[in-house]
Structures are given as C-alpha cells and as structure tokens.
Amino acid sequence: MSFADTFITIPDSKFFLRHVVMINYGGKVYTVLRGIEMLDTNLSTDTWWLFALYSIFMVLGMYWYTRFWLLPNDLDAYYENGNHVLNKVGPIWITLGAAAYYLLFGILFAVVYTRDHLSTALSFAMWNFWCFINLLLATPLFK
C-alpha cells in the first residue's frame, strides 16, 4: 500500500526512512562539496578535521543508502525482518545508530558555530538535527 492511496494517513517508520534517504542524497552532496570548500579557509585544526571527516563520512553514507535502502524492496525487507543483511543487527539498532550519528555531528557543528560563528557550521548543525529527528521517527519502535 502506498501513502498516495489515501488522502490523509499517519506516516510509519518506513515513510520517514524513505524521506531521509530521499532528502539526504542532496544533503550529502551539498555537505561534501561545501565541506571541501571550507577546507580552503582559515580554520582551526579541529574544525578543519571536522569538515574533512564529515565530508568523507557523507560520501560513505551515500554508498550506504544506495546499497541498503535505495529500492522499495530494500525498505520492505529491512522493516519486515525479511532477507536484508542489516537484519542481523536489527532495524531498531541500525536506525538508532544512524540517528545518534547525526545527533553527534549536529552537536559538533553547533559547538563550532558557537565558538567560531561560521554560518556553514550552523547550517550543517541544523541539517544534522533535522536528519536526527527524522531518523528517530524512522526507528521501528512500535509496530
């Protein structure tokens, strides 16, 4: 069943994960390119490494999304304990781990913003907090 089959429905976990995957391809490309641009500015060493590592992790994240969550069948298997390789750990723990990843980077970029007043750090912090919230909603805690 598709959410498009009815006018108003309450989104489920799979909806929010699909949403994160869809919005985060563009978000990951932007943060990689902008993060690389930031490496050419006058940054403190810890901020330089934060932008560098985040850019690398975002590229790896694009591969993760494509490998595990791109197709509708992937999401069905992930949430329905089907034949999905991530079910060896479990969708609750994988999704909470992904949410924690975005929370961590949201906090790190917020700290950089409060210290250095870099608008890029503020936008990265906000982006990471938004992904964190959506991944929490994507966690299959209730069925």
Protein backbone atom coordinates (compact mmCIF):
# COMPACT_ATOMS: atom_id res chain seq x y z
CA MET A 1 0.00 0.00 0.00
CA SER A 2 1.22 3.47 -0.83
CA PHE A 3 0.61 6.63 1.15
CA ALA A 4 -0.68 8.02 -2.13
CA ASP A 5 -3.61 5.58 -1.96
CA THR A 6 -5.35 7.72 0.65
CA PHE A 7 -5.59 11.44 1.23
CA ILE A 8 -4.56 11.57 4.87
CA THR A 9 -2.64 8.86 6.70
CA ILE A 10 -0.23 8.75 9.59
CA PRO A 11 3.29 8.09 8.27
CA ASP A 12 5.04 5.00 9.56
CA SER A 13 8.73 4.31 10.21
CA LYS A 14 9.34 3.24 6.63
CA PHE A 15 7.97 6.56 5.36
CA PHE A 16 10.43 8.54 7.47
CA LEU A 17 13.41 6.41 6.47
CA ARG A 18 12.46 6.75 2.81
CA HIS A 19 12.17 10.51 3.39
CA VAL A 20 15.61 10.70 5.00
CA VAL A 21 17.14 8.73 2.14
CA MET A 22 15.49 10.96 -0.47
CA ILE A 23 16.39 14.30 1.11
CA ASN A 24 19.80 13.20 2.22
CA TYR A 25 21.23 12.35 -1.18
CA GLY A 26 21.07 16.06 -1.99
CA GLY A 27 22.08 16.97 1.57
CA LYS A 28 25.09 14.69 1.44
CA VAL A 29 26.25 16.08 -1.92
CA TYR A 30 25.90 19.64 -0.64
CA THR A 31 27.72 18.96 2.63
CA VAL A 32 30.55 17.13 0.85
CA LEU A 33 31.11 19.95 -1.62
CA ARG A 34 30.67 22.73 0.94
CA GLY A 35 32.79 20.84 3.46
CA ILE A 36 35.61 20.58 0.92
CA GLU A 37 35.30 24.31 0.20
CA MET A 38 35.64 25.01 3.92
CA LEU A 39 38.99 23.19 3.97
CA ASP A 40 40.42 26.03 1.89
CA THR A 41 39.59 28.65 4.52
CA ASN A 42 41.38 29.73 7.67
CA LEU A 43 40.04 27.18 10.17
CA SER A 44 41.32 25.94 13.49
CA THR A 45 42.81 22.45 13.25
CA ASP A 46 39.90 20.72 14.98
CA THR A 47 37.35 22.49 12.76
CA TRP A 48 39.35 21.62 9.64
CA TRP A 49 39.33 17.93 10.66
CA LEU A 50 35.62 18.04 11.46
CA PHE A 51 34.77 19.30 7.97
CA ALA A 52 37.23 16.86 6.35
CA LEU A 53 35.97 13.80 8.21
CA TYR A 54 32.35 14.79 7.76
CA SER A 55 32.87 15.08 4.00
CA ILE A 56 34.38 11.59 3.91
CA PHE A 57 31.60 10.14 6.06
CA MET A 58 28.93 11.75 3.88
CA VAL A 59 30.41 10.14 0.75
CA LEU A 60 30.42 6.78 2.53
CA GLY A 61 26.85 7.47 3.63
CA MET A 62 25.76 7.85 0.01
CA TYR A 63 27.12 4.39 -0.67
CA TRP A 64 25.33 3.07 2.46
CA TYR A 65 21.98 4.48 1.32
CA THR A 66 22.40 3.13 -2.21
CA ARG A 67 23.50 -0.29 -1.01
CA PHE A 68 20.96 -0.88 1.75
CA TRP A 69 17.98 1.47 1.39
CA LEU A 70 17.55 2.58 -2.22
CA LEU A 71 14.82 0.30 -3.51
CA PRO A 72 11.34 -0.06 -2.02
CA ASN A 73 12.02 -3.79 -1.63
CA ASP A 74 15.08 -2.94 0.47
CA LEU A 75 12.94 -0.98 2.92
CA ASP A 76 10.27 -3.68 2.99
CA ALA A 77 12.85 -6.33 3.87
CA TYR A 78 14.54 -4.03 6.39
CA TYR A 79 11.36 -3.36 8.35
CA GLU A 80 9.67 -6.74 7.96
CA ASN A 81 12.58 -8.90 9.15
CA GLY A 82 12.95 -10.15 5.62
CA ASN A 83 16.09 -11.19 3.80
CA HIS A 84 18.01 -7.96 4.49
CA VAL A 85 21.62 -8.14 5.61
CA LEU A 86 21.10 -5.40 8.23
CA ASN A 87 18.51 -7.55 9.99
CA LYS A 88 21.40 -9.44 11.57
CA VAL A 89 21.75 -6.42 13.85
CA GLY A 90 18.14 -5.28 13.66
CA PRO A 91 16.41 -2.23 12.23
CA ILE A 92 15.86 -0.64 15.64
CA TRP A 93 19.58 -0.60 16.46
CA ILE A 94 20.74 0.36 12.98
CA THR A 95 18.26 3.23 12.77
CA LEU A 96 19.04 4.44 16.30
CA GLY A 97 22.74 4.24 15.44
CA ALA A 98 22.17 6.36 12.35
CA ALA A 99 20.17 8.86 14.42
CA ALA A 100 22.97 9.02 17.01
CA TYR A 101 25.48 9.68 14.21
CA TYR A 102 23.50 12.73 13.07
CA LEU A 103 23.00 13.90 16.65
CA LEU A 104 26.75 13.72 17.30
CA PHE A 105 27.61 15.73 14.21
CA GLY A 106 24.80 18.18 14.94
CA ILE A 107 26.30 18.84 18.35
CA LEU A 108 29.85 19.12 16.99
CA PHE A 109 28.83 21.63 14.32
CA ALA A 110 26.75 23.58 16.86
CA VAL A 111 29.82 23.83 19.11
CA VAL A 112 31.90 25.06 16.18
CA TYR A 113 29.24 27.63 15.33
CA THR A 114 29.03 28.99 18.88
CA ARG A 115 32.82 29.20 19.06
CA ASP A 116 33.75 30.39 15.56
CA HIS A 117 30.47 31.87 14.22
CA LEU A 118 30.78 30.01 10.92
CA SER A 119 27.46 30.10 9.10
CA THR A 120 28.35 26.83 7.34
CA ALA A 121 28.70 25.15 10.73
CA LEU A 122 25.26 26.46 11.70
CA SER A 123 23.64 25.11 8.54
CA PHE A 124 25.41 21.75 8.97
CA ALA A 125 24.25 21.59 12.61
CA MET A 126 20.65 22.32 11.63
CA TRP A 127 20.79 19.76 8.83
CA ASN A 128 22.14 17.09 11.15
CA PHE A 129 19.50 17.81 13.79
CA TRP A 130 16.78 17.56 11.12
CA CYS A 131 18.11 14.19 9.95
CA PHE A 132 18.35 13.07 13.59
CA ILE A 133 14.67 13.86 14.22
CA ASN A 134 13.56 12.10 11.05
CA LEU A 135 15.66 9.03 11.83
CA LEU A 136 14.15 8.86 15.30
CA LEU A 137 10.75 8.83 13.61
CA ALA A 138 12.07 6.10 11.28
CA THR A 139 13.02 3.85 14.19
CA PRO A 140 10.58 0.92 14.27
CA LEU A 141 9.85 1.04 17.99
CA PHE A 142 6.14 0.45 17.60
CA LYS A 143 4.52 -1.93 15.17
